[in-house]
Protein backbone atom coordinates (compact mmCIF):
# COMPACT_ATOMS: atom_id res chain seq x y z
CA MET A 1 0.12 0.10 0.06
CA ASN A 2 0.89 3.76 -0.58
CA TRP A 3 -0.51 5.11 2.14
CA ASN A 4 0.17 5.89 5.98
CA CYS A 5 -1.86 4.43 8.24
CA ILE A 6 -1.92 4.15 12.25
CA LEU A 7 -1.84 1.28 14.16
CA GLU A 8 -3.42 1.03 17.78
CA ARG A 9 -3.76 -1.12 19.87
CA VAL A 10 -6.15 -1.21 22.96
CA ALA A 11 -7.11 -3.46 26.01
CA THR A 12 -10.26 -3.06 25.85
CA THR A 13 -12.76 -0.64 24.23
CA LYS A 14 -16.74 -0.72 23.83
CA SER A 15 -16.63 -0.86 20.19
CA THR A 16 -13.88 0.13 17.57
CA ASN A 17 -16.60 1.68 15.52
CA ASP A 18 -17.66 3.64 17.56
CA ASP A 19 -13.96 5.11 19.21
CA LEU A 20 -13.47 6.07 15.46
CA LEU A 21 -17.00 7.80 14.65
CA GLU A 22 -16.43 9.50 17.86
CA ARG A 23 -13.50 10.93 16.97
CA TRP A 24 -14.22 11.78 12.92
CA ARG A 25 -16.97 13.81 14.47
CA ALA A 26 -14.62 15.15 16.41
CA GLY A 27 -12.35 16.33 13.18
CA GLU A 28 -9.30 14.47 14.57
CA LEU A 29 -8.96 12.21 11.92
CA ILE A 30 -6.45 13.31 9.42
CA ASP A 31 -5.24 9.96 8.58
CA PRO A 32 -6.65 6.27 7.75
CA VAL A 33 -6.36 4.62 11.83
CA ALA A 34 -6.61 0.70 12.30
CA ARG A 35 -7.69 -0.06 15.81
CA ILE A 36 -8.16 -3.03 17.80
CA ALA A 37 -9.76 -4.13 20.89
CA HIS A 38 -8.35 -7.07 22.45
CA GLU A 39 -11.46 -6.89 23.87
CA GLN A 40 -14.77 -5.32 23.15
CA THR A 41 -17.35 -5.18 25.56
CA ALA A 42 -20.66 -3.90 22.86
CA GLY A 43 -19.54 -4.81 19.66
CA LYS A 44 -22.02 -4.07 17.20
CA GLY A 45 -23.18 -5.16 13.85
CA ARG A 46 -25.31 -4.37 11.12
CA ALA A 47 -29.01 -2.58 12.68
CA GLY A 48 -27.77 -2.33 15.74
CA ARG A 49 -26.93 -6.44 16.24
CA ILE A 50 -24.85 -6.96 18.46
CA TRP A 51 -21.39 -8.56 18.02
CA HIS A 52 -20.30 -11.74 20.23
CA ALA A 53 -17.08 -11.21 20.86
CA LYS A 54 -14.21 -13.70 23.13
CA PRO A 55 -10.67 -12.29 23.50
CA GLU A 56 -8.19 -14.15 21.97
CA ASP A 57 -11.12 -16.51 19.84
CA THR A 58 -12.50 -13.40 17.52
CA LEU A 59 -10.56 -10.35 16.23
CA CYS A 60 -12.65 -7.30 15.84
CA PHE A 61 -11.46 -4.24 14.75
CA SER A 62 -11.59 -0.83 12.64
CA LEU A 63 -10.31 1.21 10.23
CA ALA A 64 -10.95 5.11 9.29
CA TYR A 65 -10.72 6.02 5.74
CA PRO A 66 -11.18 9.09 3.90
CA PHE A 67 -12.52 8.72 0.67
CA HIS A 68 -12.42 11.57 -1.82
CA CYS A 69 -16.24 11.73 -3.05
CA ARG A 70 -19.06 11.41 -1.69
CA PRO A 71 -20.78 8.66 0.31
CA ASN A 72 -23.16 7.95 -2.06
CA GLU A 73 -20.81 6.95 -5.10
CA LEU A 74 -19.54 4.33 -2.35
CA SER A 75 -22.42 2.18 -2.69
CA GLY A 76 -20.38 -1.61 -3.64
CA LEU A 77 -17.52 -0.23 -1.01
CA SER A 78 -18.74 -3.65 1.63
CA LEU A 79 -17.86 -5.48 -1.71
CA VAL A 80 -14.69 -3.96 -2.21
CA ILE A 81 -13.77 -4.34 1.91
CA GLY A 82 -15.32 -8.18 1.99
CA LEU A 83 -12.92 -8.91 -1.11
CA ALA A 84 -10.13 -7.61 0.71
CA VAL A 85 -11.03 -9.13 3.64
CA ILE A 86 -10.63 -12.54 1.92
CA ALA A 87 -7.34 -11.81 0.26
CA GLY A 88 -6.47 -10.63 3.58
CA ILE A 89 -7.42 -14.43 5.49
CA ALA A 90 -5.71 -16.00 2.65
CA GLN A 91 -2.25 -13.99 2.68
CA ALA A 92 -2.48 -14.82 6.66
CA LEU A 93 -3.01 -18.41 6.21
CA GLY A 94 -0.54 -19.19 3.14
CA ILE A 95 -3.78 -20.39 1.25
CA ASP A 96 -4.97 -19.38 -2.39
CA GLN A 97 -7.90 -17.77 -2.41
CA THR A 98 -9.44 -20.63 -5.20
CA ARG A 99 -8.48 -22.82 -2.92
CA LEU A 100 -10.33 -20.68 -0.03
CA HIS A 101 -13.24 -20.51 -2.08
CA GLN A 102 -13.08 -24.25 -2.79
CA LEU A 103 -12.61 -25.17 1.32
CA GLY A 104 -16.28 -22.62 1.40
CA LEU A 105 -15.35 -19.10 1.65
CA ARG A 106 -18.38 -17.02 0.52
CA LEU A 107 -19.14 -13.65 0.85
CA LYS A 108 -22.90 -12.71 1.57
CA TRP A 109 -23.98 -9.60 -0.05
CA PRO A 110 -24.22 -6.90 2.34
CA ASN A 111 -21.87 -7.77 4.74
CA ASP A 112 -21.41 -11.31 6.53
CA LEU A 113 -18.17 -13.55 5.52
CA LEU A 114 -19.51 -17.08 5.27
CA LEU A 115 -17.43 -20.64 5.82
CA ASN A 116 -19.71 -23.43 4.40
CA ASN A 117 -22.85 -21.69 4.66
CA ALA A 118 -22.17 -20.45 8.70
CA LYS A 119 -21.09 -16.66 9.48
CA LEU A 120 -17.08 -16.39 10.31
CA GLY A 121 -17.08 -13.24 10.51
CA GLY A 122 -18.58 -9.77 9.51
CA ILE A 123 -18.32 -5.94 7.94
CA LEU A 124 -19.52 -3.19 9.35
CA ILE A 125 -19.54 0.48 6.92
CA GLU A 126 -20.39 3.90 8.67
CA GLY A 127 -19.26 6.98 8.96
CA GLY A 128 -20.28 10.08 6.28
CA GLN A 129 -19.05 13.55 5.25
CA THR A 130 -18.78 16.71 7.14
CA SER A 131 -19.35 19.27 4.41
CA PRO A 132 -19.34 18.67 0.54
CA HIS A 133 -15.74 20.04 0.21
CA SER A 134 -14.41 17.45 2.95
CA PRO A 135 -13.46 13.65 3.13
CA SER A 136 -16.08 11.27 2.84
CA TRP A 137 -14.90 9.08 6.30
CA MET A 138 -15.46 5.79 6.37
CA ILE A 139 -14.79 3.47 9.59
CA ILE A 140 -15.32 -0.32 8.46
CA GLY A 141 -15.55 -2.39 11.78
CA LEU A 142 -14.31 -6.24 10.88
CA GLY A 143 -15.36 -8.95 13.39
CA LEU A 144 -14.03 -12.15 12.34
CA ASN A 145 -13.68 -16.13 14.92
CA LEU A 146 -11.05 -16.94 14.61
CA ARG A 147 -11.21 -20.25 17.19
CA ASN A 148 -13.50 -22.56 18.95
CA ALA A 149 -16.78 -21.98 16.40
CA HIS A 150 -18.41 -23.75 19.33
CA GLN A 151 -17.86 -21.69 22.12
CA ILE A 152 -18.92 -18.44 20.18
CA ALA A 153 -22.00 -20.11 19.32
CA LYS A 154 -22.74 -21.14 22.97
CA ASN A 155 -23.02 -17.46 23.65
CA ILE A 156 -25.02 -15.92 21.21
CA SER A 157 -28.29 -15.44 22.54
CA GLY A 158 -31.26 -15.46 19.71
CA PRO A 159 -32.77 -17.41 16.69
CA SER A 160 -29.74 -16.98 13.86
CA SER A 161 -30.44 -18.54 10.73
CA LEU A 162 -26.80 -18.76 10.13
CA GLY A 163 -24.30 -21.17 12.40
CA VAL A 164 -20.93 -20.15 13.77
CA ALA A 165 -17.44 -20.36 11.79
CA ALA A 166 -14.22 -19.82 12.75
CA LEU A 167 -10.87 -19.26 10.45
CA ASP A 168 -9.44 -22.32 12.51
CA GLN A 169 -11.44 -24.69 10.10
CA LEU A 170 -9.79 -23.91 7.53
CA ILE A 171 -6.09 -25.26 9.05
CA THR A 172 -4.89 -28.70 8.85
CA GLU A 173 -3.70 -30.53 11.82
CA THR A 174 0.56 -29.70 10.64
CA ASN A 175 -0.60 -25.78 10.22
CA ALA A 176 -1.31 -23.56 13.68
CA LEU A 177 -3.80 -20.24 12.64
CA PRO A 178 -1.17 -17.49 12.62
CA GLU A 179 -0.69 -15.06 15.65
CA ASN A 180 -4.16 -12.91 15.97
CA GLU A 181 -1.47 -9.85 15.26
CA TYR A 182 -0.44 -11.18 12.48
CA ILE A 183 -3.49 -11.94 10.45
CA TRP A 184 -4.52 -8.39 12.14
CA LEU A 185 -1.61 -6.57 9.59
CA LYS A 186 -2.47 -9.16 6.64
CA LEU A 187 -6.24 -7.80 6.87
CA ILE A 188 -4.83 -4.34 6.77
CA GLU A 189 -2.27 -4.28 3.80
CA SER A 190 -5.03 -5.98 1.80
């Protein structure tokens, strides 16, 4: 990538998306910022749903990025982000994207990542433009299940049409899942 990105790590926060949205609204964002939390206590998904995240089993981060266009020109952004996430997963795991597709990794419009029709992760995009001549700051949040899909599923309350998947289901017995931070950096690079 040819752009600068500030990388921030925090132990605990309510929501990395909310953290960056607050800074955008206060006019504090100048460069792109990627913010990761070891633990999110009030992570959120689309339509105000709760994103359940267990430290060490999930990867939760947000990226604030300025686009030099109007927000309505970004209608396909979630699809582009989904494809970038798949590319980042491929890089992090050392698995070709075609092979990931064969193993059941898919995008479900508008914001879900599925593995064999079970939810692997979700993308949440928020933001906007403060004036007609300012950039459109988009806060792109990603929640990705890394391990222990069965335990994550137990923590979800309410009915769901999708099961739960985790990235470790793509790993063979001879390979280990990379460290969380390595996966995060590969996702940011993509």
